[in-house]
Amino acid sequence: MSLPLQTAGIATDALHEPLTHDPLPAEAVRAGAPTVGIRELGPFAGVELGVWEMTEGAAVDTEIDEVFIVLAGSARIDFIEPALPTIDVRAGSVVRLEAGMQTLWTVHETLRKVYIA
């Protein structure tokens, strides 16, 4: 059973939380037909917590300030601007993104993460 995290002591199963998916905007898609699901878990100390998932495919994004932990799946993140080395992420990866970064996400296996933004 999933419960909101708006109160201390409440928990959710972030790995199995059902998410409703929507297609990404056509202008963002670079390969396949990826969809994205998100569940905001509520604010904490001035930041937002949530669960995010993207299905297989590739899409570009402009990032916000965020730290995330990958729970499941795998992907490659290419940094378009600034030009940084490509990273591969999988369950257990912890990544820090900065606002304004332009990225290309190539998801090999549906990627699920918990984010703090």
N, C-alpha and C. Protein backbone atom coordinates (compact mmCIF):
# COMPACT_ATOMS: atom_id res chain seq x y z
N MET A 1 0.84 -1.18 0.00
CA MET A 1 0.00 0.00 0.00
C MET A 1 0.88 1.24 0.00
N SER A 2 0.57 2.19 -0.83
CA SER A 2 1.35 3.41 -0.93
C SER A 2 0.66 4.54 -0.17
N LEU A 3 1.43 5.27 0.57
CA LEU A 3 0.91 6.39 1.34
C LEU A 3 1.70 7.64 1.01
N PRO A 4 1.10 8.81 1.12
CA PRO A 4 1.86 10.05 0.88
C PRO A 4 2.91 10.24 1.95
N LEU A 5 4.01 10.90 1.57
CA LEU A 5 5.09 11.14 2.51
C LEU A 5 5.01 12.54 3.11
N GLN A 6 3.85 13.08 3.25
CA GLN A 6 3.72 14.44 3.71
C GLN A 6 3.90 14.55 5.22
N THR A 7 3.87 13.44 5.92
CA THR A 7 4.02 13.43 7.36
C THR A 7 5.16 12.50 7.73
N ALA A 8 5.98 12.89 8.70
CA ALA A 8 7.08 12.03 9.14
C ALA A 8 6.53 10.69 9.59
N GLY A 9 7.26 9.63 9.27
CA GLY A 9 6.85 8.29 9.67
C GLY A 9 5.99 7.58 8.64
N ILE A 10 5.62 8.24 7.55
CA ILE A 10 4.83 7.62 6.49
C ILE A 10 5.80 7.13 5.42
N ALA A 11 5.52 5.97 4.83
CA ALA A 11 6.44 5.39 3.85
C ALA A 11 5.71 5.01 2.57
N THR A 12 6.47 4.84 1.50
CA THR A 12 5.96 4.33 0.24
C THR A 12 6.98 3.35 -0.32
N ASP A 13 6.53 2.41 -1.12
CA ASP A 13 7.42 1.46 -1.79
C ASP A 13 7.79 2.07 -3.14
N ALA A 14 8.86 2.83 -3.16
CA ALA A 14 9.25 3.57 -4.35
C ALA A 14 9.57 2.67 -5.54
N LEU A 15 10.02 1.47 -5.28
CA LEU A 15 10.37 0.55 -6.36
C LEU A 15 9.12 0.01 -7.06
N HIS A 16 8.04 -0.18 -6.32
CA HIS A 16 6.85 -0.79 -6.88
C HIS A 16 5.64 0.15 -6.99
N GLU A 17 5.81 1.39 -6.62
CA GLU A 17 4.73 2.38 -6.69
C GLU A 17 4.17 2.44 -8.12
N PRO A 18 2.86 2.21 -8.30
CA PRO A 18 2.29 2.32 -9.65
C PRO A 18 2.35 3.78 -10.12
N LEU A 19 2.81 3.98 -11.34
CA LEU A 19 2.89 5.32 -11.93
C LEU A 19 2.07 5.35 -13.21
N THR A 20 1.36 6.44 -13.41
CA THR A 20 0.63 6.65 -14.65
C THR A 20 1.59 7.32 -15.64
N HIS A 21 1.75 6.72 -16.81
CA HIS A 21 2.70 7.22 -17.80
C HIS A 21 2.01 8.07 -18.85
N ASP A 22 2.76 9.06 -19.32
CA ASP A 22 2.33 9.91 -20.43
C ASP A 22 3.45 9.93 -21.46
N PRO A 23 3.11 10.07 -22.75
CA PRO A 23 4.16 10.19 -23.76
C PRO A 23 4.93 11.50 -23.58
N LEU A 24 6.18 11.48 -23.97
CA LEU A 24 6.97 12.71 -23.96
C LEU A 24 6.59 13.56 -25.17
N PRO A 25 6.79 14.87 -25.08
CA PRO A 25 6.52 15.72 -26.25
C PRO A 25 7.37 15.27 -27.44
N ALA A 26 6.79 15.26 -28.61
CA ALA A 26 7.47 14.78 -29.83
C ALA A 26 8.80 15.49 -30.06
N GLU A 27 8.86 16.78 -29.72
CA GLU A 27 10.11 17.52 -29.96
C GLU A 27 11.25 17.09 -29.06
N ALA A 28 10.94 16.39 -27.97
CA ALA A 28 11.99 15.91 -27.06
C ALA A 28 12.49 14.52 -27.42
N VAL A 29 11.68 13.74 -28.14
CA VAL A 29 12.02 12.34 -28.43
C VAL A 29 13.05 12.25 -29.55
N ARG A 30 14.08 11.44 -29.31
CA ARG A 30 15.13 11.21 -30.31
C ARG A 30 15.12 9.78 -30.84
N ALA A 31 14.52 8.84 -30.09
CA ALA A 31 14.43 7.45 -30.54
C ALA A 31 13.31 6.76 -29.77
N GLY A 32 12.61 5.86 -30.45
CA GLY A 32 11.55 5.09 -29.81
C GLY A 32 10.33 5.94 -29.50
N ALA A 33 9.58 5.47 -28.52
CA ALA A 33 8.37 6.18 -28.08
C ALA A 33 8.32 6.15 -26.55
N PRO A 34 9.33 6.77 -25.91
CA PRO A 34 9.38 6.69 -24.45
C PRO A 34 8.22 7.42 -23.78
N THR A 35 7.83 6.89 -22.62
CA THR A 35 6.83 7.54 -21.79
C THR A 35 7.46 7.81 -20.42
N VAL A 36 6.83 8.72 -19.69
CA VAL A 36 7.34 9.09 -18.37
C VAL A 36 6.20 9.04 -17.36
N GLY A 37 6.51 8.48 -16.19
CA GLY A 37 5.59 8.48 -15.06
C GLY A 37 6.25 9.16 -13.88
N ILE A 38 5.46 9.87 -13.10
CA ILE A 38 6.01 10.59 -11.96
C ILE A 38 5.01 10.57 -10.81
N ARG A 39 5.55 10.51 -9.61
CA ARG A 39 4.71 10.65 -8.41
C ARG A 39 5.47 11.54 -7.44
N GLU A 40 4.94 12.71 -7.19
CA GLU A 40 5.52 13.60 -6.19
C GLU A 40 5.17 13.06 -4.82
N LEU A 41 6.17 12.96 -3.97
CA LEU A 41 5.96 12.43 -2.63
C LEU A 41 5.82 13.53 -1.58
N GLY A 42 6.04 14.75 -1.99
CA GLY A 42 5.84 15.87 -1.07
C GLY A 42 7.12 16.62 -0.78
N PRO A 43 6.98 17.78 -0.16
CA PRO A 43 8.14 18.61 0.16
C PRO A 43 8.85 18.11 1.42
N PHE A 44 10.15 18.40 1.47
CA PHE A 44 10.97 18.08 2.64
C PHE A 44 12.10 19.09 2.70
N ALA A 45 12.17 19.85 3.77
CA ALA A 45 13.26 20.82 3.99
C ALA A 45 13.48 21.73 2.78
N GLY A 46 12.40 22.17 2.15
CA GLY A 46 12.50 23.12 1.05
C GLY A 46 12.75 22.51 -0.31
N VAL A 47 12.78 21.19 -0.42
CA VAL A 47 12.96 20.52 -1.71
C VAL A 47 11.79 19.56 -1.96
N GLU A 48 11.68 19.10 -3.18
CA GLU A 48 10.62 18.17 -3.55
C GLU A 48 11.20 16.77 -3.69
N LEU A 49 10.47 15.79 -3.15
CA LEU A 49 10.85 14.37 -3.28
C LEU A 49 9.86 13.72 -4.23
N GLY A 50 10.35 12.74 -5.00
CA GLY A 50 9.44 12.05 -5.89
C GLY A 50 10.05 10.81 -6.50
N VAL A 51 9.19 10.07 -7.19
CA VAL A 51 9.59 8.89 -7.94
C VAL A 51 9.34 9.20 -9.41
N TRP A 52 10.30 8.90 -10.27
CA TRP A 52 10.23 9.19 -11.70
C TRP A 52 10.64 7.95 -12.46
N GLU A 53 9.99 7.72 -13.61
CA GLU A 53 10.30 6.54 -14.42
C GLU A 53 10.19 6.91 -15.90
N MET A 54 11.12 6.38 -16.70
CA MET A 54 11.07 6.55 -18.15
C MET A 54 11.25 5.19 -18.80
N THR A 55 10.40 4.91 -19.81
CA THR A 55 10.51 3.65 -20.53
C THR A 55 11.59 3.76 -21.61
N GLU A 56 11.87 2.65 -22.26
CA GLU A 56 12.94 2.58 -23.25
C GLU A 56 12.74 3.60 -24.36
N GLY A 57 13.86 4.18 -24.78
CA GLY A 57 13.87 5.18 -25.84
C GLY A 57 14.88 6.25 -25.51
N ALA A 58 14.88 7.33 -26.27
CA ALA A 58 15.82 8.42 -26.05
C ALA A 58 15.09 9.76 -26.15
N ALA A 59 15.47 10.67 -25.25
CA ALA A 59 14.84 12.00 -25.24
C ALA A 59 15.80 13.02 -24.64
N VAL A 60 15.67 14.26 -25.09
CA VAL A 60 16.46 15.35 -24.55
C VAL A 60 15.69 16.04 -23.43
N ASP A 61 16.46 16.70 -22.54
CA ASP A 61 15.84 17.40 -21.42
C ASP A 61 16.74 18.54 -21.00
N THR A 62 16.14 19.58 -20.42
CA THR A 62 16.88 20.63 -19.74
C THR A 62 16.64 20.41 -18.26
N GLU A 63 17.72 20.21 -17.52
CA GLU A 63 17.63 19.76 -16.14
C GLU A 63 17.34 20.89 -15.16
N ILE A 64 16.89 20.48 -13.97
CA ILE A 64 16.76 21.36 -12.81
C ILE A 64 17.78 20.88 -11.80
N ASP A 65 18.01 21.65 -10.74
CA ASP A 65 18.89 21.19 -9.67
C ASP A 65 18.29 19.93 -9.06
N GLU A 66 19.05 18.85 -9.07
CA GLU A 66 18.49 17.57 -8.66
C GLU A 66 19.60 16.61 -8.24
N VAL A 67 19.29 15.78 -7.27
CA VAL A 67 20.06 14.59 -6.94
C VAL A 67 19.10 13.44 -7.07
N PHE A 68 19.56 12.34 -7.71
CA PHE A 68 18.68 11.18 -7.80
C PHE A 68 19.44 9.89 -7.56
N ILE A 69 18.67 8.89 -7.15
CA ILE A 69 19.19 7.55 -6.91
C ILE A 69 18.40 6.60 -7.80
N VAL A 70 19.10 5.86 -8.64
CA VAL A 70 18.44 4.91 -9.53
C VAL A 70 18.06 3.66 -8.73
N LEU A 71 16.78 3.30 -8.83
CA LEU A 71 16.28 2.10 -8.16
C LEU A 71 16.31 0.88 -9.06
N ALA A 72 16.03 1.08 -10.36
CA ALA A 72 15.95 -0.04 -11.30
C ALA A 72 16.19 0.47 -12.71
N GLY A 73 16.61 -0.43 -13.59
CA GLY A 73 16.80 -0.11 -14.99
C GLY A 73 18.20 0.37 -15.30
N SER A 74 18.38 0.81 -16.55
CA SER A 74 19.69 1.30 -16.97
C SER A 74 19.50 2.33 -18.09
N ALA A 75 20.45 3.26 -18.13
CA ALA A 75 20.41 4.31 -19.14
C ALA A 75 21.79 4.92 -19.33
N ARG A 76 21.94 5.63 -20.43
CA ARG A 76 23.12 6.44 -20.68
C ARG A 76 22.66 7.89 -20.70
N ILE A 77 23.40 8.75 -20.03
CA ILE A 77 23.10 10.18 -20.04
C ILE A 77 24.25 10.89 -20.73
N ASP A 78 23.95 11.51 -21.87
CA ASP A 78 24.93 12.32 -22.59
C ASP A 78 24.69 13.77 -22.23
N PHE A 79 25.77 14.48 -21.95
CA PHE A 79 25.68 15.89 -21.60
C PHE A 79 25.97 16.72 -22.85
N ILE A 80 24.93 17.41 -23.32
CA ILE A 80 25.04 18.24 -24.51
C ILE A 80 25.66 19.59 -24.15
N GLU A 81 25.17 20.17 -23.07
CA GLU A 81 25.67 21.47 -22.58
C GLU A 81 25.54 21.49 -21.07
N PRO A 82 26.59 21.63 -20.34
CA PRO A 82 27.98 21.68 -20.80
C PRO A 82 28.43 20.32 -21.30
N ALA A 83 29.45 20.33 -22.13
CA ALA A 83 29.99 19.08 -22.67
C ALA A 83 30.79 18.38 -21.58
N LEU A 84 30.17 17.37 -21.00
CA LEU A 84 30.80 16.56 -19.95
C LEU A 84 30.86 15.12 -20.41
N PRO A 85 31.64 14.29 -19.75
CA PRO A 85 31.67 12.87 -20.14
C PRO A 85 30.31 12.21 -19.95
N THR A 86 29.99 11.30 -20.85
CA THR A 86 28.77 10.50 -20.77
C THR A 86 28.84 9.63 -19.52
N ILE A 87 27.69 9.42 -18.89
CA ILE A 87 27.64 8.50 -17.75
C ILE A 87 26.61 7.41 -18.02
N ASP A 88 26.90 6.22 -17.52
CA ASP A 88 25.96 5.12 -17.55
C ASP A 88 25.43 4.94 -16.15
N VAL A 89 24.11 4.82 -16.02
CA VAL A 89 23.49 4.66 -14.70
C VAL A 89 22.71 3.36 -14.64
N ARG A 90 22.63 2.82 -13.44
CA ARG A 90 21.90 1.58 -13.18
C ARG A 90 21.50 1.59 -11.71
N ALA A 91 20.81 0.56 -11.26
CA ALA A 91 20.39 0.50 -9.86
C ALA A 91 21.58 0.77 -8.94
N GLY A 92 21.39 1.70 -8.03
CA GLY A 92 22.44 2.08 -7.08
C GLY A 92 23.19 3.34 -7.47
N SER A 93 23.09 3.80 -8.72
CA SER A 93 23.78 5.02 -9.14
C SER A 93 23.17 6.24 -8.45
N VAL A 94 24.03 7.15 -8.03
CA VAL A 94 23.61 8.42 -7.44
C VAL A 94 24.19 9.51 -8.34
N VAL A 95 23.34 10.42 -8.79
CA VAL A 95 23.75 11.44 -9.76
C VAL A 95 23.30 12.81 -9.30
N ARG A 96 24.15 13.81 -9.53
CA ARG A 96 23.83 15.21 -9.25
C ARG A 96 23.76 15.95 -10.56
N LEU A 97 22.63 16.61 -10.84
CA LEU A 97 22.45 17.44 -12.03
C LEU A 97 22.25 18.88 -11.59
N GLU A 98 22.69 19.80 -12.45
CA GLU A 98 22.54 21.23 -12.16
C GLU A 98 21.54 21.85 -13.12
N ALA A 99 20.84 22.85 -12.63
CA ALA A 99 19.84 23.56 -13.45
C ALA A 99 20.48 24.08 -14.73
N GLY A 100 19.79 23.89 -15.84
CA GLY A 100 20.24 24.39 -17.13
C GLY A 100 21.02 23.39 -17.96
N MET A 101 21.51 22.31 -17.34
CA MET A 101 22.22 21.29 -18.13
C MET A 101 21.28 20.76 -19.20
N GLN A 102 21.80 20.58 -20.39
CA GLN A 102 21.04 19.96 -21.47
C GLN A 102 21.56 18.54 -21.64
N THR A 103 20.64 17.58 -21.57
CA THR A 103 21.03 16.18 -21.57
C THR A 103 20.25 15.39 -22.61
N LEU A 104 20.83 14.24 -22.98
CA LEU A 104 20.15 13.25 -23.80
C LEU A 104 20.13 11.96 -23.01
N TRP A 105 18.94 11.50 -22.66
CA TRP A 105 18.75 10.26 -21.91
C TRP A 105 18.42 9.14 -22.89
N THR A 106 19.24 8.09 -22.90
CA THR A 106 18.97 6.90 -23.70
C THR A 106 18.72 5.77 -22.71
N VAL A 107 17.45 5.40 -22.57
CA VAL A 107 17.06 4.39 -21.60
C VAL A 107 17.06 3.03 -22.28
N HIS A 108 17.87 2.11 -21.74
CA HIS A 108 18.00 0.76 -22.29
C HIS A 108 16.97 -0.18 -21.66
N GLU A 109 16.71 0.02 -20.38
CA GLU A 109 15.75 -0.78 -19.61
C GLU A 109 15.01 0.21 -18.72
N THR A 110 13.69 0.17 -18.70
CA THR A 110 12.89 1.15 -17.97
C THR A 110 13.60 1.59 -16.71
N LEU A 111 13.83 2.91 -16.59
CA LEU A 111 14.62 3.50 -15.51
C LEU A 111 13.68 4.11 -14.47
N ARG A 112 13.88 3.73 -13.23
CA ARG A 112 13.11 4.29 -12.13
C ARG A 112 14.09 4.89 -11.14
N LYS A 113 13.77 6.11 -10.69
CA LYS A 113 14.64 6.79 -9.75
C LYS A 113 13.81 7.51 -8.70
N VAL A 114 14.44 7.75 -7.56
CA VAL A 114 13.91 8.65 -6.54
C VAL A 114 14.71 9.93 -6.68
N TYR A 115 14.00 11.06 -6.76
CA TYR A 115 14.70 12.33 -6.94
C TYR A 115 14.46 13.27 -5.77
N ILE A 116 15.43 14.15 -5.59
CA ILE A 116 15.34 15.25 -4.62
C ILE A 116 15.69 16.49 -5.44
N ALA A 117 14.72 17.39 -5.59
CA ALA A 117 14.92 18.55 -6.46
C ALA A 117 14.45 19.82 -5.79
